[in-house]
Amino acid sequence: MYKHIIWDFDGTLFDTYTVMATTFKETLEAHGFEAPIEEILKYMKVSMSTAAQYYSQKFGIDDDFLSEYSRRRKDAEEENCKPYAGIEEVCRYIHSSGKNNYLYTHRGESSIRFLKKYGLYDYFTDFITKGSGFERKPSPEAIEYLIKKHNILKHEAIMIGDRELDILSGKNAGIYGCYFNEAGINIEVADHIVSDFSQLYSIID
């Protein structure tokens, strides 16, 4: 059914939110602040800027705090940032079947580094990262760029992500959306939902 699969990175290809939230909590504690991990995750999954704004208002965290958090996060990610179970297999299957994987993330070049580190890079046709300069999701700008560059037929393309804005970026570009949620929770805008990446095979074929 789908020949062009566009992937989000954080919380979709790679299990990064646990590392990000835990490190943020540890940085807060180092400054004498307490926040439950569930609360931190809730705001981070909207966006990092949403979390930063919330805790700036709550605790008065500043740019120095965020710089410290960024240093701690990068160190923690090197050991703990890994692909979700089944990701390597499904990306390899898509590639070997003559279909195309694309990356679309707000993360910077670290996303490319992690794809290379875990042997996923060669399965991908193209990459949109923070440095690409497109408007942020849910803007369709980056996906429209991929559609034009690779002559993608919209009915053959799908955006996979763990947040509503991932799905909306796809829908706004006129393609399909697949929502990844390990708890099996659905959102109205998604055409498909998976809680395990083994469920993708029957969707993309």
Protein backbone atom coordinates (compact mmCIF):
# COMPACT_ATOMS: atom_id res chain seq x y z
CA MET A 1 0.00 0.00 0.00
CA TYR A 2 2.77 2.46 0.94
CA LYS A 3 6.05 2.91 -0.90
CA HIS A 4 7.38 5.96 0.98
CA ILE A 5 7.66 5.78 4.77
CA ILE A 6 8.61 8.97 6.59
CA TRP A 7 9.83 8.46 10.15
CA ASP A 8 10.03 10.71 13.18
CA PHE A 9 13.13 10.07 15.32
CA ASP A 10 12.54 10.72 19.04
CA GLY A 11 10.00 8.34 20.49
CA THR A 12 9.49 6.60 17.14
CA LEU A 13 12.67 5.21 15.60
CA PHE A 14 14.63 5.59 18.83
CA ASP A 15 13.57 5.28 22.46
CA THR A 16 14.94 8.62 23.64
CA TYR A 17 12.25 10.17 25.83
CA THR A 18 13.13 8.11 28.90
CA VAL A 19 16.74 9.31 28.71
CA MET A 20 15.70 12.90 28.00
CA ALA A 21 13.17 13.08 30.84
CA THR A 22 15.39 11.31 33.38
CA THR A 23 18.28 13.65 32.58
CA PHE A 24 16.01 16.69 32.82
CA LYS A 25 14.77 15.50 36.22
CA GLU A 26 18.34 14.97 37.43
CA THR A 27 19.29 18.47 36.26
CA LEU A 28 16.31 19.94 38.09
CA GLU A 29 17.31 18.07 41.26
CA ALA A 30 20.87 19.36 40.94
CA HIS A 31 19.37 22.85 41.17
CA GLY A 32 17.13 21.98 44.12
CA PHE A 33 13.88 21.44 42.20
CA GLU A 34 11.57 18.42 42.16
CA ALA A 35 9.23 17.32 39.37
CA PRO A 36 7.63 13.92 38.65
CA ILE A 37 8.98 12.10 35.62
CA GLU A 38 5.43 11.69 34.25
CA GLU A 39 4.94 15.45 34.24
CA ILE A 40 8.26 16.06 32.50
CA LEU A 41 7.42 13.47 29.84
CA LYS A 42 3.99 15.02 29.26
CA TYR A 43 5.49 18.38 28.34
CA MET A 44 8.48 16.98 26.47
CA LYS A 45 6.22 14.95 24.21
CA VAL A 46 4.57 18.17 23.11
CA SER A 47 7.97 19.69 22.43
CA MET A 48 11.20 20.47 24.26
CA SER A 49 10.40 24.17 24.03
CA THR A 50 7.04 23.52 25.73
CA ALA A 51 8.81 21.76 28.61
CA ALA A 52 11.40 24.53 28.88
CA GLN A 53 8.70 27.21 28.94
CA TYR A 54 6.65 25.37 31.58
CA TYR A 55 9.58 24.86 33.95
CA SER A 56 10.87 28.36 33.32
CA GLN A 57 7.56 29.65 34.63
CA LYS A 58 7.44 27.10 37.45
CA PHE A 59 11.04 27.17 38.67
CA GLY A 60 12.70 30.03 36.81
CA ILE A 61 15.11 27.83 34.86
CA ASP A 62 17.21 29.80 32.37
CA ASP A 63 19.53 29.31 29.40
CA ASP A 64 22.38 28.19 31.67
CA PHE A 65 20.14 25.43 33.05
CA LEU A 66 19.18 24.32 29.53
CA SER A 67 22.84 24.29 28.46
CA GLU A 68 23.69 22.09 31.44
CA TYR A 69 20.77 19.80 30.65
CA SER A 70 21.92 19.55 27.03
CA ARG A 71 25.42 18.48 28.11
CA ARG A 72 24.05 15.88 30.52
CA ARG A 73 21.57 14.58 27.92
CA LYS A 74 24.21 14.14 25.23
CA ASP A 75 26.41 12.13 27.59
CA ALA A 76 23.49 9.94 28.69
CA GLU A 77 22.25 9.37 25.15
CA GLU A 78 25.54 7.94 23.95
CA GLU A 79 24.97 4.87 26.13
CA ASN A 80 21.19 4.75 26.43
CA CYS A 81 19.71 6.02 23.14
CA LYS A 82 18.76 2.91 21.15
CA PRO A 83 16.28 1.93 18.42
CA TYR A 84 12.97 0.44 19.45
CA ALA A 85 12.62 -3.33 19.16
CA GLY A 86 11.88 -4.32 15.57
CA ILE A 87 13.01 -1.05 13.99
CA GLU A 88 16.12 -2.44 12.33
CA GLU A 89 14.13 -5.33 10.84
CA VAL A 90 11.28 -3.23 9.48
CA CYS A 91 13.57 -0.55 8.03
CA ARG A 92 15.66 -3.23 6.35
CA TYR A 93 12.51 -4.88 4.99
CA ILE A 94 11.23 -1.58 3.56
CA HIS A 95 14.59 -0.91 1.91
CA SER A 96 15.02 -4.43 0.53
CA SER A 97 11.46 -4.37 -0.85
CA GLY A 98 12.28 -1.40 -3.08
CA LYS A 99 10.38 1.03 -0.89
CA ASN A 100 11.88 4.13 0.72
CA ASN A 101 12.55 5.24 4.29
CA TYR A 102 12.91 8.97 5.04
CA LEU A 103 13.83 10.72 8.29
CA TYR A 104 11.95 13.83 9.37
CA THR A 105 12.97 15.12 12.80
CA HIS A 106 13.41 18.36 14.72
CA ARG A 107 16.58 16.85 16.20
CA GLY A 108 19.93 17.92 14.80
CA GLU A 109 22.79 15.90 13.32
CA SER A 110 22.85 13.53 16.30
CA SER A 111 19.93 11.73 14.61
CA ILE A 112 22.17 10.89 11.65
CA ARG A 113 24.97 9.81 13.98
CA PHE A 114 22.69 7.39 15.82
CA LEU A 115 21.33 5.95 12.57
CA LYS A 116 24.91 5.24 11.52
CA LYS A 117 25.88 3.88 14.94
CA TYR A 118 23.12 1.26 14.83
CA GLY A 119 23.46 0.35 11.16
CA LEU A 120 20.26 2.02 9.97
CA TYR A 121 21.64 4.87 7.87
CA ASP A 122 21.94 2.93 4.60
CA TYR A 123 18.26 1.96 4.74
CA PHE A 124 17.24 5.62 4.32
CA THR A 125 16.79 7.56 1.11
CA ASP A 126 16.79 11.10 2.52
CA PHE A 127 16.98 13.03 5.78
CA ILE A 128 15.28 16.15 7.13
CA THR A 129 16.81 17.40 10.40
CA LYS A 130 16.88 20.61 12.40
CA GLY A 131 19.63 21.96 10.17
CA SER A 132 17.50 21.59 7.03
CA GLY A 133 15.80 24.85 7.93
CA PHE A 134 12.16 23.93 7.34
CA GLU A 135 9.23 25.12 9.41
CA ARG A 136 8.53 22.94 12.44
CA LYS A 137 5.79 20.31 12.52
CA PRO A 138 2.85 20.36 12.02
CA SER A 139 3.80 22.48 9.02
CA PRO A 140 3.77 20.36 5.85
CA GLU A 141 6.73 22.24 4.37
CA ALA A 142 9.40 19.56 4.86
CA ILE A 143 7.18 16.72 3.67
CA GLU A 144 6.11 18.74 0.63
CA TYR A 145 9.82 19.18 -0.13
CA LEU A 146 10.35 15.40 -0.01
CA ILE A 147 7.27 14.82 -2.17
CA LYS A 148 8.56 17.17 -4.85
CA LYS A 149 12.21 16.08 -4.69
CA HIS A 150 11.46 12.35 -4.93
CA ASN A 151 8.35 12.50 -7.13
CA ILE A 152 6.28 10.86 -4.42
CA LEU A 153 2.65 10.04 -5.06
CA LYS A 154 0.77 11.21 -2.00
CA HIS A 155 -1.42 8.12 -1.73
CA GLU A 156 1.75 6.01 -1.50
CA ALA A 157 3.28 7.96 1.41
CA ILE A 158 2.83 7.73 5.17
CA MET A 159 4.24 9.65 8.14
CA ILE A 160 4.98 7.61 11.28
CA GLY A 161 5.32 9.35 14.62
CA ASP A 162 4.49 9.25 18.32
CA ARG A 163 2.94 12.71 18.60
CA GLU A 164 -0.14 14.29 17.10
CA LEU A 165 1.97 16.99 15.45
CA ASP A 166 3.92 14.28 13.58
CA ILE A 167 0.69 12.92 12.15
CA LEU A 168 -0.66 16.40 11.42
CA SER A 169 2.45 17.32 9.44
CA GLY A 170 1.71 14.39 7.19
CA LYS A 171 -2.02 15.05 6.95
CA ASN A 172 -1.36 18.72 6.17
CA ALA A 173 0.82 17.58 3.27
CA GLY A 174 -1.94 15.31 1.98
CA ILE A 175 -0.40 11.98 2.94
CA TYR A 176 -1.37 9.29 5.45
CA GLY A 177 -0.43 9.09 9.12
CA CYS A 178 0.48 6.22 11.44
CA TYR A 179 0.51 6.88 15.18
CA PHE A 180 2.95 4.89 17.32
CA ASN A 181 1.82 4.49 20.91
CA GLU A 182 2.99 1.61 23.08
CA ALA A 183 -0.17 1.80 25.21
CA GLY A 184 -2.36 1.41 22.13
CA ILE A 185 -3.99 4.82 22.56
CA ASN A 186 -5.43 6.25 19.36
CA ILE A 187 -5.81 9.79 18.07
CA GLU A 188 -8.54 10.86 15.66
CA VAL A 189 -6.25 12.29 12.99
CA ALA A 190 -4.31 9.02 12.51
CA ASP A 191 -5.18 6.62 9.69
CA HIS A 192 -3.36 3.79 11.44
CA ILE A 193 -2.09 3.03 14.93
CA VAL A 194 0.62 0.61 16.04
CA SER A 195 1.81 -0.29 19.52
CA ASP A 196 4.51 -2.61 18.19
CA PHE A 197 6.49 -2.20 14.99
CA SER A 198 5.78 -5.77 13.91
CA GLN A 199 2.28 -4.45 13.14
CA LEU A 200 3.67 -2.22 10.39
CA TYR A 201 4.22 -4.97 7.84
CA SER A 202 0.52 -5.52 7.19
CA ILE A 203 0.00 -1.73 6.88
CA ILE A 204 2.75 -0.90 4.41
CA ASP A 205 2.25 -3.93 2.14
